């Protein structure tokens, strides 16, 4: 019997990763998305909770493009305008498009 090591994001317990660095990147992206959602909700109170969550995840996933735009390269945003639309319904749906989650195996009781 083979032993398989998997990693789980502390912010998305449903998703498992085979690589610790990938799990850490996902966790950091979700942390950034949460902060962005909080800021967006404060700035535009009329947005629904789902809208700010979707916007926060979108911005966090595209953080490099937004960072370049905020550093005197506003035309960097044209990358996002020209890219095909990728709707974000929720965290689980957005992540399942990237890579399928692998179900956790139950631990065996010691004999």
PDB file of N, CA and C in Angstrom:
ATOM      1  N   UNK A   1       0.846  -1.176   0.000  1.00  0.00           N
ATOM      2  CA  UNK A   1       0.000   0.000   0.000  1.00  0.00           C
ATOM      3  C   UNK A   1       0.888   1.234   0.000  1.00  0.00           C
ATOM      4  N   UNK A   2       0.569   2.150  -0.863  1.00  0.00           N
ATOM      5  CA  UNK A   2       1.340   3.388  -0.971  1.00  0.00           C
ATOM      6  C   UNK A   2       0.760   4.457  -0.051  1.00  0.00           C
ATOM      7  N   UNK A   3       1.633   5.292   0.437  1.00  0.00           N
ATOM      8  CA  UNK A   3       1.221   6.418   1.264  1.00  0.00           C
ATOM      9  C   UNK A   3       1.272   7.659   0.384  1.00  0.00           C
ATOM     10  N   UNK A   4       0.236   8.448   0.453  1.00  0.00           N
ATOM     11  CA  UNK A   4       0.165   9.648  -0.366  1.00  0.00           C
ATOM     12  C   UNK A   4       0.027  10.859   0.547  1.00  0.00           C
ATOM     13  N   UNK A   5       0.888  11.838   0.369  1.00  0.00           N
ATOM     14  CA  UNK A   5       0.844  13.064   1.154  1.00  0.00           C
ATOM     15  C   UNK A   5       0.044  14.093   0.362  1.00  0.00           C
ATOM     16  N   UNK A   6      -0.954  14.670   1.014  1.00  0.00           N
ATOM     17  CA  UNK A   6      -1.743  15.730   0.390  1.00  0.00           C
ATOM     18  C   UNK A   6      -1.768  16.925   1.322  1.00  0.00           C
ATOM     19  N   UNK A   7      -1.977  18.094   0.743  1.00  0.00           N
ATOM     20  CA  UNK A   7      -2.015  19.334   1.501  1.00  0.00           C
ATOM     21  C   UNK A   7      -3.375  19.974   1.318  1.00  0.00           C
ATOM     22  N   UNK A   8      -3.843  20.629   2.360  1.00  0.00           N
ATOM     23  CA  UNK A   8      -5.150  21.270   2.333  1.00  0.00           C
ATOM     24  C   UNK A   8      -4.979  22.742   2.686  1.00  0.00           C
ATOM     25  N   UNK A   9      -5.666  23.586   1.928  1.00  0.00           N
ATOM     26  CA  UNK A   9      -5.664  25.012   2.217  1.00  0.00           C
ATOM     27  C   UNK A   9      -6.457  25.244   3.502  1.00  0.00           C
ATOM     28  N   UNK A  10      -5.976  26.124   4.353  1.00  0.00           N
ATOM     29  CA  UNK A  10      -6.696  26.407   5.598  1.00  0.00           C
ATOM     30  C   UNK A  10      -7.947  27.238   5.352  1.00  0.00           C
ATOM     31  N   UNK A  11      -8.056  27.873   4.180  1.00  0.00           N
ATOM     32  CA  UNK A  11      -9.210  28.708   3.857  1.00  0.00           C
ATOM     33  C   UNK A  11     -10.212  28.000   2.949  1.00  0.00           C
ATOM     34  N   UNK A  12      -9.828  26.886   2.358  1.00  0.00           N
ATOM     35  CA  UNK A  12     -10.700  26.131   1.453  1.00  0.00           C
ATOM     36  C   UNK A  12     -10.505  24.655   1.772  1.00  0.00           C
ATOM     37  N   UNK A  13     -11.210  24.174   2.778  1.00  0.00           N
ATOM     38  CA  UNK A  13     -10.982  22.832   3.298  1.00  0.00           C
ATOM     39  C   UNK A  13     -11.403  21.722   2.341  1.00  0.00           C
ATOM     40  N   UNK A  14     -12.179  22.048   1.334  1.00  0.00           N
ATOM     41  CA  UNK A  14     -12.630  21.046   0.373  1.00  0.00           C
ATOM     42  C   UNK A  14     -11.553  20.696  -0.651  1.00  0.00           C
ATOM     43  N   UNK A  15     -10.607  21.570  -0.842  1.00  0.00           N
ATOM     44  CA  UNK A  15      -9.614  21.406  -1.909  1.00  0.00           C
ATOM     45  C   UNK A  15      -8.339  20.805  -1.362  1.00  0.00           C
ATOM     46  N   UNK A  16      -7.842  19.772  -2.017  1.00  0.00           N
ATOM     47  CA  UNK A  16      -6.589  19.132  -1.633  1.00  0.00           C
ATOM     48  C   UNK A  16      -5.549  19.357  -2.724  1.00  0.00           C
ATOM     49  N   UNK A  17      -4.283  19.442  -2.314  1.00  0.00           N
ATOM     50  CA  UNK A  17      -3.189  19.695  -3.242  1.00  0.00           C
ATOM     51  C   UNK A  17      -2.109  18.650  -3.046  1.00  0.00           C
ATOM     52  N   UNK A  18      -1.423  18.342  -4.107  1.00  0.00           N
ATOM     53  CA  UNK A  18      -0.317  17.385  -4.046  1.00  0.00           C
ATOM     54  C   UNK A  18       1.001  18.081  -3.707  1.00  0.00           C
ATOM     55  N   UNK A  19       1.007  19.404  -3.789  1.00  0.00           N
ATOM     56  CA  UNK A  19       2.220  20.189  -3.598  1.00  0.00           C
ATOM     57  C   UNK A  19       1.964  21.264  -2.538  1.00  0.00           C
ATOM     58  N   UNK A  20       2.831  21.347  -1.533  1.00  0.00           N
ATOM     59  CA  UNK A  20       2.651  22.316  -0.461  1.00  0.00           C
ATOM     60  C   UNK A  20       2.697  23.754  -0.982  1.00  0.00           C
ATOM     61  N   UNK A  21       3.595  24.026  -1.921  1.00  0.00           N
ATOM     62  CA  UNK A  21       3.708  25.386  -2.456  1.00  0.00           C
ATOM     63  C   UNK A  21       2.421  25.798  -3.160  1.00  0.00           C
ATOM     64  N   UNK A  22       1.805  24.876  -3.883  1.00  0.00           N
ATOM     65  CA  UNK A  22       0.545  25.182  -4.564  1.00  0.00           C
ATOM     66  C   UNK A  22      -0.566  25.465  -3.546  1.00  0.00           C
ATOM     67  N   UNK A  23      -0.609  24.692  -2.476  1.00  0.00           N
ATOM     68  CA  UNK A  23      -1.603  24.916  -1.415  1.00  0.00           C
ATOM     69  C   UNK A  23      -1.381  26.282  -0.769  1.00  0.00           C
ATOM     70  N   UNK A  24      -0.122  26.642  -0.544  1.00  0.00           N
ATOM     71  CA  UNK A  24       0.192  27.951   0.042  1.00  0.00           C
ATOM     72  C   UNK A  24      -0.226  29.090  -0.884  1.00  0.00           C
ATOM     73  N   UNK A  25       0.043  28.943  -2.195  1.00  0.00           N
ATOM     74  CA  UNK A  25      -0.362  29.981  -3.159  1.00  0.00           C
ATOM     75  C   UNK A  25      -1.881  30.142  -3.172  1.00  0.00           C
ATOM     76  N   UNK A  26      -2.589  29.036  -3.143  1.00  0.00           N
ATOM     77  CA  UNK A  26      -4.053  29.080  -3.151  1.00  0.00           C
ATOM     78  C   UNK A  26      -4.560  29.775  -1.881  1.00  0.00           C
ATOM     79  N   UNK A  27      -3.968  29.439  -0.750  1.00  0.00           N
ATOM     80  CA  UNK A  27      -4.362  30.035   0.520  1.00  0.00           C
ATOM     81  C   UNK A  27      -4.116  31.547   0.513  1.00  0.00           C
ATOM     82  N   UNK A  28      -2.976  31.970  -0.004  1.00  0.00           N
ATOM     83  CA  UNK A  28      -2.656  33.398  -0.074  1.00  0.00           C
ATOM     84  C   UNK A  28      -3.599  34.125  -1.025  1.00  0.00           C
ATOM     85  N   UNK A  29      -3.950  33.475  -2.150  1.00  0.00           N
ATOM     86  CA  UNK A  29      -4.882  34.080  -3.098  1.00  0.00           C
ATOM     87  C   UNK A  29      -6.239  34.284  -2.425  1.00  0.00           C
ATOM     88  N   UNK A  30      -6.699  33.294  -1.663  1.00  0.00           N
ATOM     89  CA  UNK A  30      -7.989  33.422  -0.985  1.00  0.00           C
ATOM     90  C   UNK A  30      -7.945  34.482   0.112  1.00  0.00           C
ATOM     91  N   UNK A  31      -6.805  34.611   0.789  1.00  0.00           N
ATOM     92  CA  UNK A  31      -6.657  35.651   1.812  1.00  0.00           C
ATOM     93  C   UNK A  31      -6.736  37.035   1.168  1.00  0.00           C
ATOM     94  N   UNK A  32      -6.034  37.213   0.057  1.00  0.00           N
ATOM     95  CA  UNK A  32      -6.083  38.484  -0.661  1.00  0.00           C
ATOM     96  C   UNK A  32      -7.496  38.761  -1.148  1.00  0.00           C
ATOM     97  N   UNK A  33      -8.170  37.749  -1.680  1.00  0.00           N
ATOM     98  CA  UNK A  33      -9.542  37.902  -2.175  1.00  0.00           C
ATOM     99  C   UNK A  33     -10.472  38.351  -1.054  1.00  0.00           C
ATOM    100  N   UNK A  34     -10.272  37.812   0.134  1.00  0.00           N
ATOM    101  CA  UNK A  34     -11.107  38.184   1.280  1.00  0.00           C
ATOM    102  C   UNK A  34     -10.906  39.659   1.642  1.00  0.00           C
ATOM    103  N   UNK A  35      -9.652  40.108   1.673  1.00  0.00           N
ATOM    104  CA  UNK A  35      -9.377  41.516   1.980  1.00  0.00           C
ATOM    105  C   UNK A  35      -9.938  42.429   0.895  1.00  0.00           C
ATOM    106  N   UNK A  36      -9.751  42.031  -0.357  1.00  0.00           N
ATOM    107  CA  UNK A  36     -10.291  42.833  -1.456  1.00  0.00           C
ATOM    108  C   UNK A  36     -11.812  42.926  -1.369  1.00  0.00           C
ATOM    109  N   UNK A  37     -12.458  41.831  -1.043  1.00  0.00           N
ATOM    110  CA  UNK A  37     -13.918  41.831  -0.909  1.00  0.00           C
ATOM    111  C   UNK A  37     -14.361  42.781   0.205  1.00  0.00           C
ATOM    112  N   UNK A  38     -13.632  42.774   1.319  1.00  0.00           N
ATOM    113  CA  UNK A  38     -13.970  43.682   2.422  1.00  0.00           C
ATOM    114  C   UNK A  38     -13.836  45.148   1.992  1.00  0.00           C
ATOM    115  N   UNK A  39     -12.769  45.452   1.277  1.00  0.00           N
ATOM    116  CA  UNK A  39     -12.546  46.825   0.813  1.00  0.00           C
ATOM    117  C   UNK A  39     -13.623  47.231  -0.192  1.00  0.00           C
ATOM    118  N   UNK A  40     -13.937  46.329  -1.118  1.00  0.00           N
ATOM    119  CA  UNK A  40     -14.967  46.625  -2.116  1.00  0.00           C
ATOM    120  C   UNK A  40     -16.334  46.836  -1.460  1.00  0.00           C
ATOM    121  N   UNK A  41     -16.635  46.029  -0.459  1.00  0.00           N
ATOM    122  CA  UNK A  41     -17.925  46.170   0.241  1.00  0.00           C
ATOM    123  C   UNK A  41     -18.004  47.518   0.935  1.00  0.00           C
ATOM    124  N   UNK A  42     -16.901  47.960   1.517  1.00  0.00           N
ATOM    125  CA  UNK A  42     -16.882  49.259   2.187  1.00  0.00           C
ATOM    126  C   UNK A  42     -16.989  50.399   1.171  1.00  0.00           C
ATOM    127  N   UNK A  43     -16.306  50.240   0.025  1.00  0.00           N
ATOM    128  CA  UNK A  43     -16.302  51.294  -0.985  1.00  0.00           C
ATOM    129  C   UNK A  43     -17.632  51.390  -1.732  1.00  0.00           C
ATOM    130  N   UNK A  44     -18.265  50.247  -1.959  1.00  0.00           N
ATOM    131  CA  UNK A  44     -19.524  50.213  -2.723  1.00  0.00           C
ATOM    132  C   UNK A  44     -20.524  49.352  -1.940  1.00  0.00           C
ATOM    133  N   UNK A  45     -21.163  49.932  -0.929  1.00  0.00           N
ATOM    134  CA  UNK A  45     -22.064  49.156  -0.060  1.00  0.00           C
ATOM    135  C   UNK A  45     -23.255  48.530  -0.795  1.00  0.00           C
ATOM    136  N   UNK A  46     -23.588  49.032  -1.970  1.00  0.00           N
ATOM    137  CA  UNK A  46     -24.742  48.490  -2.693  1.00  0.00           C
ATOM    138  C   UNK A  46     -24.443  47.136  -3.348  1.00  0.00           C
ATOM    139  N   UNK A  47     -23.179  46.731  -3.402  1.00  0.00           N
ATOM    140  CA  UNK A  47     -22.840  45.429  -3.973  1.00  0.00           C
ATOM    141  C   UNK A  47     -23.287  44.317  -3.028  1.00  0.00           C
ATOM    142  N   UNK A  48     -23.736  43.216  -3.599  1.00  0.00           N
ATOM    143  CA  UNK A  48     -24.127  42.074  -2.776  1.00  0.00           C
ATOM    144  C   UNK A  48     -22.877  41.355  -2.274  1.00  0.00           C
ATOM    145  N   UNK A  49     -23.059  40.501  -1.296  1.00  0.00           N
ATOM    146  CA  UNK A  49     -21.943  39.735  -0.756  1.00  0.00           C
ATOM    147  C   UNK A  49     -21.318  38.851  -1.845  1.00  0.00           C
ATOM    148  N   UNK A  50     -22.160  38.259  -2.678  1.00  0.00           N
ATOM    149  CA  UNK A  50     -21.656  37.403  -3.757  1.00  0.00           C
ATOM    150  C   UNK A  50     -20.862  38.214  -4.777  1.00  0.00           C
ATOM    151  N   UNK A  51     -21.334  39.418  -5.094  1.00  0.00           N
ATOM    152  CA  UNK A  51     -20.625  40.262  -6.060  1.00  0.00           C
ATOM    153  C   UNK A  51     -19.245  40.658  -5.552  1.00  0.00           C
ATOM    154  N   UNK A  52     -19.148  41.048  -4.286  1.00  0.00           N
ATOM    155  CA  UNK A  52     -17.836  41.438  -3.763  1.00  0.00           C
ATOM    156  C   UNK A  52     -16.919  40.232  -3.650  1.00  0.00           C
ATOM    157  N   UNK A  53     -17.476  39.052  -3.329  1.00  0.00           N
ATOM    158  CA  UNK A  53     -16.662  37.839  -3.262  1.00  0.00           C
ATOM    159  C   UNK A  53     -16.116  37.492  -4.649  1.00  0.00           C
ATOM    160  N   UNK A  54     -16.972  37.537  -5.660  1.00  0.00           N
ATOM    161  CA  UNK A  54     -16.543  37.239  -7.028  1.00  0.00           C
ATOM    162  C   UNK A  54     -15.492  38.237  -7.510  1.00  0.00           C
ATOM    163  N   UNK A  55     -15.722  39.517  -7.246  1.00  0.00           N
ATOM    164  CA  UNK A  55     -14.770  40.549  -7.657  1.00  0.00           C
ATOM    165  C   UNK A  55     -13.436  40.375  -6.930  1.00  0.00           C
ATOM    166  N   UNK A  56     -13.501  40.072  -5.648  1.00  0.00           N
ATOM    167  CA  UNK A  56     -12.276  39.864  -4.875  1.00  0.00           C
ATOM    168  C   UNK A  56     -11.475  38.688  -5.391  1.00  0.00           C
ATOM    169  N   UNK A  57     -12.140  37.588  -5.705  1.00  0.00           N
ATOM    170  CA  UNK A  57     -11.449  36.413  -6.235  1.00  0.00           C
ATOM    171  C   UNK A  57     -10.856  36.723  -7.604  1.00  0.00           C
ATOM    172  N   UNK A  58     -11.618  37.398  -8.441  1.00  0.00           N
ATOM    173  CA  UNK A  58     -11.130  37.760  -9.780  1.00  0.00           C
ATOM    174  C   UNK A  58      -9.878  38.627  -9.688  1.00  0.00           C
ATOM    175  N   UNK A  59      -9.936  39.634  -8.824  1.00  0.00           N
ATOM    176  CA  UNK A  59      -8.789  40.532  -8.684  1.00  0.00           C
ATOM    177  C   UNK A  59      -7.585  39.798  -8.087  1.00  0.00           C
ATOM    178  N   UNK A  60      -7.830  38.914  -7.122  1.00  0.00           N
ATOM    179  CA  UNK A  60      -6.731  38.178  -6.502  1.00  0.00           C
ATOM    180  C   UNK A  60      -6.084  37.214  -7.497  1.00  0.00           C
ATOM    181  N   UNK A  61      -6.901  36.561  -8.329  1.00  0.00           N
ATOM    182  CA  UNK A  61      -6.347  35.649  -9.333  1.00  0.00           C
ATOM    183  C   UNK A  61      -5.544  36.396 -10.388  1.00  0.00           C
ATOM    184  N   UNK A  62      -5.867  37.656 -10.612  1.00  0.00           N
ATOM    185  CA  UNK A  62      -5.184  38.477 -11.616  1.00  0.00           C
ATOM    186  C   UNK A  62      -4.342  39.563 -10.966  1.00  0.00           C
ATOM    187  N   UNK A  63      -3.828  39.291  -9.806  1.00  0.00           N
ATOM    188  CA  UNK A  63      -3.110  40.291  -9.022  1.00  0.00           C
ATOM    189  C   UNK A  63      -1.907  40.861  -9.756  1.00  0.00           C
ATOM    190  N   UNK A  64      -1.210  40.049 -10.554  1.00  0.00           N
ATOM    191  CA  UNK A  64      -0.034  40.553 -11.267  1.00  0.00           C
ATOM    192  C   UNK A  64      -0.421  41.624 -12.282  1.00  0.00           C
ATOM    193  N   UNK A  65      -1.524  41.406 -12.975  1.00  0.00           N
ATOM    194  CA  UNK A  65      -1.989  42.386 -13.960  1.00  0.00           C
ATOM    195  C   UNK A  65      -2.399  43.674 -13.257  1.00  0.00           C
ATOM    196  N   UNK A  66      -3.160  43.546 -12.163  1.00  0.00           N
ATOM    197  CA  UNK A  66      -3.585  44.742 -11.427  1.00  0.00           C
ATOM    198  C   UNK A  66      -2.377  45.464 -10.820  1.00  0.00           C
ATOM    199  N   UNK A  67      -1.383  44.714 -10.353  1.00  0.00           N
ATOM    200  CA  UNK A  67      -0.188  45.339  -9.773  1.00  0.00           C
ATOM    201  C   UNK A  67       0.537  46.189 -10.820  1.00  0.00           C
ATOM    202  N   UNK A  68       0.673  45.638 -12.035  1.00  0.00           N
ATOM    203  CA  UNK A  68       1.317  46.420 -13.103  1.00  0.00           C
ATOM    204  C   UNK A  68       0.497  47.660 -13.432  1.00  0.00           C
ATOM    205  N   UNK A  69      -0.827  47.521 -13.448  1.00  0.00           N
ATOM    206  CA  UNK A  69      -1.694  48.667 -13.756  1.00  0.00           C
ATOM    207  C   UNK A  69      -1.548  49.757 -12.698  1.00  0.00           C
ATOM    208  N   UNK A  70      -1.427  49.362 -11.450  1.00  0.00           N
ATOM    209  CA  UNK A  70      -1.286  50.343 -10.370  1.00  0.00           C
ATOM    210  C   UNK A  70       0.108  50.951 -10.331  1.00  0.00           C
ATOM    211  N   UNK A  71       1.077  50.328 -11.015  1.00  0.00           N
ATOM    212  CA  UNK A  71       2.445  50.851 -11.065  1.00  0.00           C
ATOM    213  C   UNK A  71       2.693  51.557 -12.394  1.00  0.00           C
ATOM    214  N   UNK A  72       1.803  52.448 -12.755  1.00  0.00           N
ATOM    215  CA  UNK A  72       1.956  53.311 -13.939  1.00  0.00           C
ATOM    216  C   UNK A  72       1.889  52.575 -15.270  1.00  0.00           C
ATOM    217  N   UNK A  73       1.229  51.423 -15.322  1.00  0.00           N
ATOM    218  CA  UNK A  73       1.013  50.716 -16.581  1.00  0.00           C
ATOM    219  C   UNK A  73      -0.474  50.385 -16.730  1.00  0.00           C
ATOM    220  N   UNK A  74      -1.326  51.397 -16.814  1.00  0.00           N
ATOM    221  CA  UNK A  74      -2.767  51.119 -16.879  1.00  0.00           C
ATOM    222  C   UNK A  74      -3.168  50.272 -18.084  1.00  0.00           C
ATOM    223  N   UNK A  75      -2.362  50.300 -19.148  1.00  0.00           N
ATOM    224  CA  UNK A  75      -2.691  49.490 -20.322  1.00  0.00           C
ATOM    225  C   UNK A  75      -2.541  47.985 -20.053  1.00  0.00           C
ATOM    226  N   UNK A  76      -1.946  47.613 -18.939  1.00  0.00           N
ATOM    227  CA  UNK A  76      -1.837  46.197 -18.574  1.00  0.00           C
ATOM    228  C   UNK A  76      -3.224  45.574 -18.414  1.00  0.00           C
ATOM    229  N   UNK A  77      -4.197  46.396 -18.041  1.00  0.00           N
ATOM    230  CA  UNK A  77      -5.560  45.889 -17.872  1.00  0.00           C
ATOM    231  C   UNK A  77      -6.178  45.438 -19.188  1.00  0.00           C
ATOM    232  N   UNK A  78      -5.600  45.862 -20.301  1.00  0.00           N
ATOM    233  CA  UNK A  78      -6.125  45.415 -21.597  1.00  0.00           C
ATOM    234  C   UNK A  78      -5.991  43.905 -21.750  1.00  0.00           C
ATOM    235  N   UNK A  79      -5.021  43.303 -21.042  1.00  0.00           N
ATOM    236  CA  UNK A  79      -4.897  41.839 -21.055  1.00  0.00           C
ATOM    237  C   UNK A  79      -6.186  41.190 -20.563  1.00  0.00           C
ATOM    238  N   UNK A  80      -6.766  41.771 -19.526  1.00  0.00           N
ATOM    239  CA  UNK A  80      -7.997  41.215 -18.959  1.00  0.00           C
ATOM    240  C   UNK A  80      -9.199  41.524 -19.838  1.00  0.00           C
ATOM    241  N   UNK A  81      -9.176  42.683 -20.483  1.00  0.00           N
ATOM    242  CA  UNK A  81     -10.285  43.048 -21.363  1.00  0.00           C
ATOM    243  C   UNK A  81     -10.315  42.171 -22.603  1.00  0.00           C
ATOM    244  N   UNK A  82      -9.150  41.792 -23.093  1.00  0.00           N
ATOM    245  CA  UNK A  82      -9.065  40.986 -24.301  1.00  0.00           C
ATOM    246  C   UNK A  82      -9.166  39.482 -24.033  1.00  0.00           C
ATOM    247  N   UNK A  83      -9.016  39.083 -22.778  1.00  0.00           N
ATOM    248  CA  UNK A  83      -9.107  37.660 -22.428  1.00  0.00           C
ATOM    249  C   UNK A  83     -10.571  37.230 -22.412  1.00  0.00           C
ATOM    250  N   UNK A  84     -10.841  35.968 -22.722  1.00  0.00           N
ATOM    251  CA  UNK A  84     -12.227  35.497 -22.653  1.00  0.00           C
ATOM    252  C   UNK A  84     -12.756  35.612 -21.222  1.00  0.00           C
ATOM    253  N   UNK A  85     -14.029  35.953 -21.107  1.00  0.00           N
ATOM    254  CA  UNK A  85     -14.652  36.119 -19.790  1.00  0.00           C
ATOM    255  C   UNK A  85     -14.671  34.786 -19.061  1.00  0.00           C
ATOM    256  N   UNK A  86     -14.299  34.825 -17.803  1.00  0.00           N
ATOM    257  CA  UNK A  86     -14.280  33.631 -16.971  1.00  0.00           C
ATOM    258  C   UNK A  86     -15.086  33.935 -15.718  1.00  0.00           C
ATOM    259  N   UNK A  87     -16.394  33.659 -15.741  1.00  0.00           N
ATOM    260  CA  UNK A  87     -17.222  33.989 -14.578  1.00  0.00           C
ATOM    261  C   UNK A  87     -16.813  33.189 -13.351  1.00  0.00           C
ATOM    262  N   UNK A  88     -16.860  33.843 -12.210  1.00  0.00           N
ATOM    263  CA  UNK A  88     -16.538  33.201 -10.944  1.00  0.00           C
ATOM    264  C   UNK A  88     -17.823  33.125 -10.148  1.00  0.00           C
ATOM    265  N   UNK A  89     -18.333  31.904  -9.964  1.00  0.00           N
ATOM    266  CA  UNK A  89     -19.581  31.755  -9.216  1.00  0.00           C
ATOM    267  C   UNK A  89     -19.327  31.633  -7.728  1.00  0.00           C
ATOM    268  N   UNK A  90     -18.356  30.811  -7.346  1.00  0.00           N
ATOM    269  CA  UNK A  90     -17.942  30.704  -5.957  1.00  0.00           C
ATOM    270  C   UNK A  90     -16.557  30.082  -5.920  1.00  0.00           C
ATOM    271  N   UNK A  91     -15.968  30.004  -4.743  1.00  0.00           N
ATOM    272  CA  UNK A  91     -14.598  29.519  -4.616  1.00  0.00           C
ATOM    273  C   UNK A  91     -14.476  28.100  -5.136  1.00  0.00           C
ATOM    274  N   UNK A  92     -15.391  27.213  -4.773  1.00  0.00           N
ATOM    275  CA  UNK A  92     -15.301  25.826  -5.184  1.00  0.00           C
ATOM    276  C   UNK A  92     -15.418  25.697  -6.694  1.00  0.00           C
ATOM    277  N   UNK A  93     -16.347  26.407  -7.304  1.00  0.00           N
ATOM    278  CA  UNK A  93     -16.535  26.318  -8.754  1.00  0.00           C
ATOM    279  C   UNK A  93     -15.340  26.905  -9.488  1.00  0.00           C
ATOM    280  N   UNK A  94     -14.804  27.989  -8.972  1.00  0.00           N
ATOM    281  CA  UNK A  94     -13.668  28.620  -9.629  1.00  0.00           C
ATOM    282  C   UNK A  94     -12.447  27.718  -9.575  1.00  0.00           C
ATOM    283  N   UNK A  95     -12.237  27.061  -8.461  1.00  0.00           N
ATOM    284  CA  UNK A  95     -11.064  26.229  -8.320  1.00  0.00           C
ATOM    285  C   UNK A  95     -11.202  24.904  -9.046  1.00  0.00           C
ATOM    286  N   UNK A  96     -12.410  24.405  -9.188  1.00  0.00           N
ATOM    287  CA  UNK A  96     -12.579  23.135  -9.868  1.00  0.00           C
ATOM    288  C   UNK A  96     -12.222  23.268 -11.342  1.00  0.00           C
ATOM    289  N   UNK A  97     -12.288  24.472 -11.883  1.00  0.00           N
ATOM    290  CA  UNK A  97     -11.899  24.677 -13.273  1.00  0.00           C
ATOM    291  C   UNK A  97     -10.388  24.579 -13.430  1.00  0.00           C
ATOM    292  N   UNK A  98      -9.644  24.902 -12.390  1.00  0.00           N
ATOM    293  CA  UNK A  98      -8.187  24.856 -12.455  1.00  0.00           C
ATOM    294  C   UNK A  98      -7.683  23.420 -12.377  1.00  0.00           C
ATOM    295  N   UNK A  99      -8.106  22.698 -11.372  1.00  0.00           N
ATOM    296  CA  UNK A  99      -7.689  21.316 -11.195  1.00  0.00           C
ATOM    297  C   UNK A  99      -8.711  20.620 -10.326  1.00  0.00           C
ATOM    298  N   UNK A 100      -9.051  19.408 -10.666  1.00  0.00           N
ATOM    299  CA  UNK A 100     -10.061  18.717  -9.868  1.00  0.00           C
ATOM    300  C   UNK A 100      -9.549  18.421  -8.472  1.00  0.00           C
ATOM    301  N   UNK A 101     -10.429  18.588  -7.514  1.00  0.00           N
ATOM    302  CA  UNK A 101     -10.071  18.294  -6.128  1.00  0.00           C
ATOM    303  C   UNK A 101     -10.049  16.794  -5.944  1.00  0.00           C
ATOM    304  N   UNK A 102      -9.116  16.330  -5.144  1.00  0.00           N
ATOM    305  CA  UNK A 102      -8.999  14.913  -4.895  1.00  0.00           C
ATOM    306  C   UNK A 102      -9.601  14.619  -3.532  1.00  0.00           C
ATOM    307  N   UNK A 103     -10.508  13.671  -3.437  1.00  0.00           N
ATOM    308  CA  UNK A 103     -11.137  13.394  -2.147  1.00  0.00           C
ATOM    309  C   UNK A 103     -10.132  12.826  -1.157  1.00  0.00           C
ATOM    310  N   UNK A 104     -10.320  13.180   0.091  1.00  0.00           N
ATOM    311  CA  UNK A 104      -9.444  12.689   1.135  1.00  0.00           C
ATOM    312  C   UNK A 104      -9.777  11.241   1.468  1.00  0.00           C
ATOM    313  N   UNK A 105      -8.761  10.463   1.760  1.00  0.00           N
ATOM    314  CA  UNK A 105      -8.982   9.074   2.148  1.00  0.00           C
ATOM    315  C   UNK A 105      -9.120   9.009   3.655  1.00  0.00           C
ATOM    316  N   UNK A 106      -9.968   8.117   4.087  1.00  0.00           N
ATOM    317  CA  UNK A 106     -10.163   7.932   5.522  1.00  0.00           C
ATOM    318  C   UNK A 106      -8.944   7.208   6.088  1.00  0.00           C
ATOM    319  N   UNK A 107      -8.545   7.630   7.263  1.00  0.00           N
ATOM    320  CA  UNK A 107      -7.406   6.990   7.916  1.00  0.00           C
ATOM    321  C   UNK A 107      -7.836   5.652   8.494  1.00  0.00           C
ATOM    322  N   UNK A 108      -6.950   4.665   8.392  1.00  0.00           N
ATOM    323  CA  UNK A 108      -7.261   3.351   8.960  1.00  0.00           C
ATOM    324  C   UNK A 108      -6.938   3.339  10.438  1.00  0.00           C
ATOM    325  N   UNK A 109      -7.737   2.642  11.171  1.00  0.00           N
ATOM    326  CA  UNK A 109      -7.496   2.529  12.607  1.00  0.00           C
ATOM    327  C   UNK A 109      -6.315   1.594  12.835  1.00  0.00           C
ATOM    328  N   UNK A 110      -5.454   1.899  13.805  1.00  0.00           N
ATOM    329  CA  UNK A 110      -4.317   1.025  14.092  1.00  0.00           C
ATOM    330  C   UNK A 110      -4.801  -0.314  14.629  1.00  0.00           C
ATOM    331  N   UNK A 111      -4.078  -1.371  14.289  1.00  0.00           N
ATOM    332  CA  UNK A 111      -4.457  -2.733  14.724  1.00  0.00           C
ATOM    333  C   UNK A 111      -3.875  -3.050  16.066  1.00  0.00           C
TER     334      UNK A 111
END
